Amino acid sequence: MSDIPTAEEMEVAKKMHDSVLSPKHYTQGDIECIDAMESCLGPRKFEGFLHGQIFKYQWRYEDKGGVEDLRKMSFYKDKLIRHLVNHKEPK
């Protein structure tokens, strides 16, 4: 698995005007905020951040963002899975 979005994820992003996978207000130049956060926080803290995002969007979807919040939750869940696979500690 890689952190690069799949073709299906990119198609969904286009349809949603990138509001979930790559919102313009979270990008400066070629760097997305989430990538800078991952680099600054390190693996353990970034994992905690992802857990928090999943919790937040699942918690509020009925009262605020509806299906878009569930898509955001899914984005962070998928990002967490990729992160865990890529940072798996050897046993």
C-alpha atoms as a PDB file:
ATOM      1  CA  MET A   1       0.000   0.000   0.000  1.00  0.00           C
ATOM      2  CA  SER A   2       1.136   3.535  -0.619  1.00  0.00           C
ATOM      3  CA  ASP A   3       0.128   7.021   0.437  1.00  0.00           C
ATOM      4  CA  ILE A   4      -0.610   7.868  -3.189  1.00  0.00           C
ATOM      5  CA  PRO A   5      -4.387   8.015  -3.744  1.00  0.00           C
ATOM      6  CA  THR A   6      -5.816   5.332  -6.002  1.00  0.00           C
ATOM      7  CA  ALA A   7      -7.414   6.179  -9.339  1.00  0.00           C
ATOM      8  CA  GLU A   8     -10.807   5.608  -7.731  1.00  0.00           C
ATOM      9  CA  GLU A   9      -9.981   8.015  -4.883  1.00  0.00           C
ATOM     10  CA  MET A  10      -8.838  10.633  -7.384  1.00  0.00           C
ATOM     11  CA  GLU A  11     -12.053  10.292  -9.397  1.00  0.00           C
ATOM     12  CA  VAL A  12     -14.135  10.746  -6.245  1.00  0.00           C
ATOM     13  CA  ALA A  13     -12.010  13.777  -5.364  1.00  0.00           C
ATOM     14  CA  LYS A  14     -12.687  15.369  -8.747  1.00  0.00           C
ATOM     15  CA  LYS A  15     -16.415  14.836  -8.331  1.00  0.00           C
ATOM     16  CA  MET A  16     -16.324  16.382  -4.874  1.00  0.00           C
ATOM     17  CA  HIS A  17     -14.154  19.309  -6.052  1.00  0.00           C
ATOM     18  CA  ASP A  18     -11.326  17.881  -3.939  1.00  0.00           C
ATOM     19  CA  SER A  19     -13.158  18.863  -0.751  1.00  0.00           C
ATOM     20  CA  VAL A  20     -12.139  15.622   0.963  1.00  0.00           C
ATOM     21  CA  LEU A  21      -8.950  14.253  -0.557  1.00  0.00           C
ATOM     22  CA  SER A  22      -7.134  17.401  -1.559  1.00  0.00           C
ATOM     23  CA  PRO A  23      -8.833  20.651  -0.614  1.00  0.00           C
ATOM     24  CA  LYS A  24      -7.011  23.644  -2.076  1.00  0.00           C
ATOM     25  CA  HIS A  25      -6.969  25.521   1.213  1.00  0.00           C
ATOM     26  CA  TYR A  26      -4.732  22.780   2.711  1.00  0.00           C
ATOM     27  CA  THR A  27      -2.032  23.042   0.045  1.00  0.00           C
ATOM     28  CA  GLN A  28       0.815  25.518  -0.227  1.00  0.00           C
ATOM     29  CA  GLY A  29       2.802  25.083  -3.400  1.00  0.00           C
ATOM     30  CA  ASP A  30       3.294  21.356  -3.867  1.00  0.00           C
ATOM     31  CA  ILE A  31       3.036  20.491  -0.157  1.00  0.00           C
ATOM     32  CA  GLU A  32      -0.205  19.399   1.486  1.00  0.00           C
ATOM     33  CA  CYS A  33      -0.709  20.246   5.137  1.00  0.00           C
ATOM     34  CA  ILE A  34      -1.266  16.604   6.120  1.00  0.00           C
ATOM     35  CA  ASP A  35       2.105  15.615   4.621  1.00  0.00           C
ATOM     36  CA  ALA A  36       3.888  18.396   6.516  1.00  0.00           C
ATOM     37  CA  MET A  37       2.128  17.306   9.724  1.00  0.00           C
ATOM     38  CA  GLU A  38       3.221  13.701   9.232  1.00  0.00           C
ATOM     39  CA  SER A  39       6.798  14.802   8.749  1.00  0.00           C
ATOM     40  CA  CYS A  40       6.792  17.086  11.796  1.00  0.00           C
ATOM     41  CA  LEU A  41       4.879  14.825  14.177  1.00  0.00           C
ATOM     42  CA  GLY A  42       6.621  11.537  13.507  1.00  0.00           C
ATOM     43  CA  PRO A  43       4.897   8.144  13.226  1.00  0.00           C
ATOM     44  CA  ARG A  44       3.389   7.757  16.723  1.00  0.00           C
ATOM     45  CA  LYS A  45       1.947  11.258  17.069  1.00  0.00           C
ATOM     46  CA  PHE A  46       0.690  11.223  13.479  1.00  0.00           C
ATOM     47  CA  GLU A  47      -1.124   7.957  14.213  1.00  0.00           C
ATOM     48  CA  GLY A  48      -2.832   9.681  17.152  1.00  0.00           C
ATOM     49  CA  PHE A  49      -3.786  12.612  14.928  1.00  0.00           C
ATOM     50  CA  LEU A  50      -5.402  10.235  12.432  1.00  0.00           C
ATOM     51  CA  HIS A  51      -7.344   8.484  15.211  1.00  0.00           C
ATOM     52  CA  GLY A  52      -8.612  11.886  16.367  1.00  0.00           C
ATOM     53  CA  GLN A  53      -9.759  12.858  12.879  1.00  0.00           C
ATOM     54  CA  ILE A  54     -11.604   9.547  12.439  1.00  0.00           C
ATOM     55  CA  PHE A  55     -13.343  10.037  15.782  1.00  0.00           C
ATOM     56  CA  LYS A  56     -14.248  13.657  15.042  1.00  0.00           C
ATOM     57  CA  TYR A  57     -15.840  13.056  11.657  1.00  0.00           C
ATOM     58  CA  GLN A  58     -17.729   9.974  12.811  1.00  0.00           C
ATOM     59  CA  TRP A  59     -18.984  11.856  15.879  1.00  0.00           C
ATOM     60  CA  ARG A  60     -20.351  14.868  14.044  1.00  0.00           C
ATOM     61  CA  TYR A  61     -21.572  13.556  10.679  1.00  0.00           C
ATOM     62  CA  GLU A  62     -25.271  13.482  11.600  1.00  0.00           C
ATOM     63  CA  ASP A  63     -25.274  17.049  12.940  1.00  0.00           C
ATOM     64  CA  LYS A  64     -22.866  18.807  10.593  1.00  0.00           C
ATOM     65  CA  GLY A  65     -21.407  17.379   7.402  1.00  0.00           C
ATOM     66  CA  GLY A  66     -23.505  14.329   6.621  1.00  0.00           C
ATOM     67  CA  VAL A  67     -22.117  12.055   3.930  1.00  0.00           C
ATOM     68  CA  GLU A  68     -19.145  14.354   3.277  1.00  0.00           C
ATOM     69  CA  ASP A  69     -18.038  13.919   6.903  1.00  0.00           C
ATOM     70  CA  LEU A  70     -18.308  10.135   6.481  1.00  0.00           C
ATOM     71  CA  ARG A  71     -16.121  10.420   3.375  1.00  0.00           C
ATOM     72  CA  LYS A  72     -13.596  12.433   5.352  1.00  0.00           C
ATOM     73  CA  MET A  73     -13.694   9.808   8.107  1.00  0.00           C
ATOM     74  CA  SER A  74     -13.084   7.138   5.473  1.00  0.00           C
ATOM     75  CA  PHE A  75     -10.165   9.136   4.032  1.00  0.00           C
ATOM     76  CA  TYR A  76      -8.493   9.305   7.455  1.00  0.00           C
ATOM     77  CA  LYS A  77      -9.249   5.628   8.147  1.00  0.00           C
ATOM     78  CA  ASP A  78      -7.599   4.639   4.856  1.00  0.00           C
ATOM     79  CA  LYS A  79      -4.679   6.972   5.585  1.00  0.00           C
ATOM     80  CA  LEU A  80      -4.280   5.330   9.016  1.00  0.00           C
ATOM     81  CA  ILE A  81      -4.270   1.852   7.475  1.00  0.00           C
ATOM     82  CA  ARG A  82      -1.591   2.869   4.958  1.00  0.00           C
ATOM     83  CA  HIS A  83       0.394   4.557   7.728  1.00  0.00           C
ATOM     84  CA  LEU A  84       0.285   1.455   9.935  1.00  0.00           C
ATOM     85  CA  VAL A  85       1.303  -0.824   7.062  1.00  0.00           C
ATOM     86  CA  ASN A  86       4.185   1.472   6.100  1.00  0.00           C
ATOM     87  CA  HIS A  87       5.419   1.915   9.704  1.00  0.00           C
ATOM     88  CA  LYS A  88       4.910  -1.629  10.903  1.00  0.00           C
ATOM     89  CA  GLU A  89       7.475  -2.474  13.553  1.00  0.00           C
ATOM     90  CA  PRO A  90       9.317  -5.756  12.963  1.00  0.00           C
ATOM     91  CA  LYS A  91       8.427  -8.541  15.408  1.00  0.00           C
END
